[in-house]
Amino acid sequence: MANVDGSWDTVTKSPMGDQKATLTVKSDGNSLTGTYSGALGSTAITDGKVEGDTLSWKVSIVVPMPMTLDCEATVEGDTISGTVGAGAFGSFPMAGSRVG
């Protein structure tokens, strides 16, 4: 199992341009808790799970419109990469690196 705990600077390539955010997570067995903070505010992640080096979680946003984002990422050392699913709007690539 990868060391997933900590803060990650991420960039999601969305139709609205690059969305920078800091993902801060803590694992406890197979569960994951934390926050997702960006230009549009900070929100707690929900339904967080860890399976090996793969993380999955949900984030509820209200800007530009209310929706729940489905996120999945793989941690390899100090890098993280995956996707952010925005329902009918599709799925967008996300990548980042460990802070500090």
Protein backbone atom coordinates (compact mmCIF):
# COMPACT_ATOMS: atom_id res chain seq x y z
CA MET A 1 0.00 0.00 0.00
CA ALA A 2 1.31 3.43 -0.96
CA ASN A 3 1.70 6.22 1.57
CA VAL A 4 -1.30 8.33 0.57
CA ASP A 5 -1.54 10.53 3.69
CA GLY A 6 -0.70 14.20 3.37
CA SER A 7 -1.34 17.11 1.05
CA TRP A 8 -1.23 17.01 -2.73
CA ASP A 9 -1.16 19.98 -5.13
CA THR A 10 -3.39 18.93 -8.02
CA VAL A 11 -4.48 20.33 -11.38
CA THR A 12 -7.63 19.13 -13.13
CA LYS A 13 -7.90 19.83 -16.86
CA SER A 14 -11.52 20.96 -17.17
CA PRO A 15 -13.50 22.78 -19.89
CA MET A 16 -13.28 25.87 -17.65
CA GLY A 17 -9.47 25.72 -17.76
CA ASP A 18 -6.96 24.29 -15.32
CA GLN A 19 -8.50 23.92 -11.86
CA LYS A 20 -5.82 23.97 -9.16
CA ALA A 21 -6.65 22.49 -5.77
CA THR A 22 -4.97 21.02 -2.72
CA LEU A 23 -6.17 17.56 -1.72
CA THR A 24 -5.39 16.81 1.94
CA VAL A 25 -6.11 13.23 3.00
CA LYS A 26 -5.68 10.78 5.86
CA SER A 27 -6.23 7.06 5.49
CA ASP A 28 -7.50 4.74 8.20
CA GLY A 29 -7.46 1.18 6.93
CA ASN A 30 -9.55 1.22 3.75
CA SER A 31 -11.27 4.54 4.50
CA LEU A 32 -10.12 8.01 3.47
CA THR A 33 -11.02 11.40 4.94
CA GLY A 34 -9.87 14.90 4.11
CA THR A 35 -10.53 18.14 2.26
CA TYR A 36 -10.35 19.47 -1.28
CA SER A 37 -9.44 23.18 -1.38
CA GLY A 38 -9.22 25.39 -4.44
CA ALA A 39 -10.07 28.81 -5.84
CA LEU A 40 -13.77 28.07 -5.37
CA GLY A 41 -13.46 27.18 -1.68
CA SER A 42 -12.81 24.18 0.52
CA THR A 43 -15.03 21.16 1.01
CA ALA A 44 -14.78 17.86 2.86
CA ILE A 45 -14.37 14.73 0.77
CA THR A 46 -16.97 12.01 1.23
CA ASP A 47 -17.16 8.28 0.51
CA GLY A 48 -13.34 8.09 0.59
CA LYS A 49 -11.76 4.70 -0.01
CA VAL A 50 -8.22 3.32 -0.33
CA GLU A 51 -7.45 0.11 -2.21
CA GLY A 52 -3.71 -0.47 -2.46
CA ASP A 53 -2.33 2.65 -4.15
CA THR A 54 -5.73 3.70 -5.57
CA LEU A 55 -7.87 6.36 -3.91
CA SER A 56 -11.50 7.19 -4.63
CA TRP A 57 -13.66 9.93 -3.16
CA LYS A 58 -16.51 12.31 -3.86
CA VAL A 59 -16.62 16.10 -3.61
CA SER A 60 -19.82 18.16 -3.59
CA ILE A 61 -19.44 21.54 -5.28
CA VAL A 62 -21.81 24.46 -5.82
CA VAL A 63 -19.83 26.55 -8.35
CA PRO A 64 -20.29 26.73 -11.28
CA MET A 65 -23.36 24.65 -10.44
CA PRO A 66 -24.32 22.16 -7.71
CA MET A 67 -22.99 18.67 -8.48
CA THR A 68 -21.01 15.82 -6.99
CA LEU A 69 -17.65 15.04 -8.52
CA ASP A 70 -16.49 11.40 -8.55
CA CYS A 71 -12.71 11.26 -8.21
CA GLU A 72 -10.24 8.41 -8.54
CA ALA A 73 -6.46 8.60 -8.44
CA THR A 74 -3.37 6.43 -8.15
CA VAL A 75 -0.44 7.37 -5.92
CA GLU A 76 3.08 6.52 -7.09
CA GLY A 77 5.68 7.82 -4.66
CA ASP A 78 5.26 11.60 -4.60
CA THR A 79 2.95 11.84 -7.62
CA ILE A 80 -0.79 11.40 -7.97
CA SER A 81 -2.80 11.02 -11.16
CA GLY A 82 -6.35 10.12 -12.01
CA THR A 83 -9.70 11.45 -13.14
CA VAL A 84 -12.46 13.74 -11.93
CA GLY A 85 -15.90 12.70 -13.14
CA ALA A 86 -18.47 15.46 -13.55
CA GLY A 87 -21.57 13.45 -14.42
CA ALA A 88 -23.04 14.37 -17.81
CA PHE A 89 -20.12 16.75 -18.43
CA GLY A 90 -17.68 13.86 -18.71
CA SER A 91 -14.44 12.96 -17.01
CA PHE A 92 -11.30 15.10 -16.81
CA PRO A 93 -7.65 14.23 -16.14
CA MET A 94 -6.14 15.23 -12.79
CA ALA A 95 -2.47 15.11 -11.79
CA GLY A 96 -0.34 16.45 -9.01
CA SER A 97 2.48 16.05 -6.55
CA ARG A 98 2.97 15.73 -2.83
CA VAL A 99 3.37 19.01 -0.94
CA GLY A 100 6.55 19.29 1.11
